Amino acid sequence: MEKLNYRRQYKSDTWHWCKNCPDWPKEDYTIRHYRPTTGQLCEECRNLDEAGSCEK
């Protein structure tokens, strides 16, 4: 299984894993090195991943 970095901005409930997502947090964020069990996963990241264009 590929190890991903998940980022979520403080005060947000949405986790991102594609660096090319327009909402990829660049500052004021927390990071996880495993799939988060709380919050929600970003729909845009999911779409990029499914299309094979997610920069991880």
C-alpha atoms as a PDB file:
ATOM      1  CA  MET A   1       0.000   0.000   0.000  1.00  0.00           C
ATOM      2  CA  GLU A   2       1.306   3.423  -0.951  1.00  0.00           C
ATOM      3  CA  LYS A   3       2.058   5.759   1.923  1.00  0.00           C
ATOM      4  CA  LEU A   4       0.298   9.098   1.443  1.00  0.00           C
ATOM      5  CA  ASN A   5       0.481  12.399   3.224  1.00  0.00           C
ATOM      6  CA  TYR A   6      -2.933  13.730   4.132  1.00  0.00           C
ATOM      7  CA  ARG A   7      -3.280  17.424   4.955  1.00  0.00           C
ATOM      8  CA  ARG A   8      -6.108  19.303   6.583  1.00  0.00           C
ATOM      9  CA  GLN A   9      -6.194  23.004   7.315  1.00  0.00           C
ATOM     10  CA  TYR A  10      -6.754  23.898  10.933  1.00  0.00           C
ATOM     11  CA  LYS A  11     -10.449  24.508  11.566  1.00  0.00           C
ATOM     12  CA  SER A  12     -11.369  22.387   8.525  1.00  0.00           C
ATOM     13  CA  ASP A  13     -12.806  18.882   8.420  1.00  0.00           C
ATOM     14  CA  THR A  14     -11.618  17.999   4.878  1.00  0.00           C
ATOM     15  CA  TRP A  15      -8.460  15.981   4.209  1.00  0.00           C
ATOM     16  CA  HIS A  16      -6.435  16.308   0.967  1.00  0.00           C
ATOM     17  CA  TRP A  17      -3.822  13.973  -0.527  1.00  0.00           C
ATOM     18  CA  CYS A  18      -3.237  15.342  -4.072  1.00  0.00           C
ATOM     19  CA  LYS A  19      -0.629  18.094  -4.173  1.00  0.00           C
ATOM     20  CA  ASN A  20      -2.205  19.481  -7.346  1.00  0.00           C
ATOM     21  CA  CYS A  21      -5.640  19.888  -5.739  1.00  0.00           C
ATOM     22  CA  PRO A  22      -6.637  23.580  -5.831  1.00  0.00           C
ATOM     23  CA  ASP A  23      -7.439  23.351  -2.097  1.00  0.00           C
ATOM     24  CA  TRP A  24      -4.166  21.585  -1.076  1.00  0.00           C
ATOM     25  CA  PRO A  25      -3.208  23.283   2.220  1.00  0.00           C
ATOM     26  CA  LYS A  26       0.078  25.172   1.988  1.00  0.00           C
ATOM     27  CA  GLU A  27       0.058  26.776   5.433  1.00  0.00           C
ATOM     28  CA  ASP A  28      -1.707  26.417   8.774  1.00  0.00           C
ATOM     29  CA  TYR A  29      -2.346  22.686   8.394  1.00  0.00           C
ATOM     30  CA  THR A  30      -1.977  19.402  10.197  1.00  0.00           C
ATOM     31  CA  ILE A  31      -0.591  16.310   8.496  1.00  0.00           C
ATOM     32  CA  ARG A  32      -1.218  12.575   8.792  1.00  0.00           C
ATOM     33  CA  HIS A  33       0.831   9.804   7.224  1.00  0.00           C
ATOM     34  CA  TYR A  34      -2.121   7.428   7.170  1.00  0.00           C
ATOM     35  CA  ARG A  35      -5.727   7.630   6.016  1.00  0.00           C
ATOM     36  CA  PRO A  36      -7.600   9.734   8.579  1.00  0.00           C
ATOM     37  CA  THR A  37     -10.444   8.081  10.455  1.00  0.00           C
ATOM     38  CA  THR A  38     -12.245  11.347  11.211  1.00  0.00           C
ATOM     39  CA  GLY A  39     -13.386  14.136   8.943  1.00  0.00           C
ATOM     40  CA  GLN A  40     -14.074  13.800   5.241  1.00  0.00           C
ATOM     41  CA  LEU A  41     -11.890  13.173   2.216  1.00  0.00           C
ATOM     42  CA  CYS A  42     -11.687  15.858  -0.468  1.00  0.00           C
ATOM     43  CA  GLU A  43     -13.941  15.205  -3.456  1.00  0.00           C
ATOM     44  CA  GLU A  44     -11.543  17.004  -5.833  1.00  0.00           C
ATOM     45  CA  CYS A  45      -8.641  14.825  -4.638  1.00  0.00           C
ATOM     46  CA  ARG A  46     -10.810  11.753  -5.162  1.00  0.00           C
ATOM     47  CA  ASN A  47     -11.657  12.886  -8.726  1.00  0.00           C
ATOM     48  CA  LEU A  48      -7.988  13.601  -9.528  1.00  0.00           C
ATOM     49  CA  ASP A  49      -6.979  10.217  -8.108  1.00  0.00           C
ATOM     50  CA  GLU A  50      -9.624   8.345 -10.093  1.00  0.00           C
ATOM     51  CA  ALA A  51      -8.568  10.164 -13.290  1.00  0.00           C
ATOM     52  CA  GLY A  52      -4.940   9.165 -12.680  1.00  0.00           C
ATOM     53  CA  SER A  53      -3.781  12.786 -12.453  1.00  0.00           C
ATOM     54  CA  CYS A  54      -3.228  13.055  -8.696  1.00  0.00           C
ATOM     55  CA  GLU A  55       0.253  14.300  -7.765  1.00  0.00           C
ATOM     56  CA  LYS A  56       1.020  12.475  -4.516  1.00  0.00           C
END
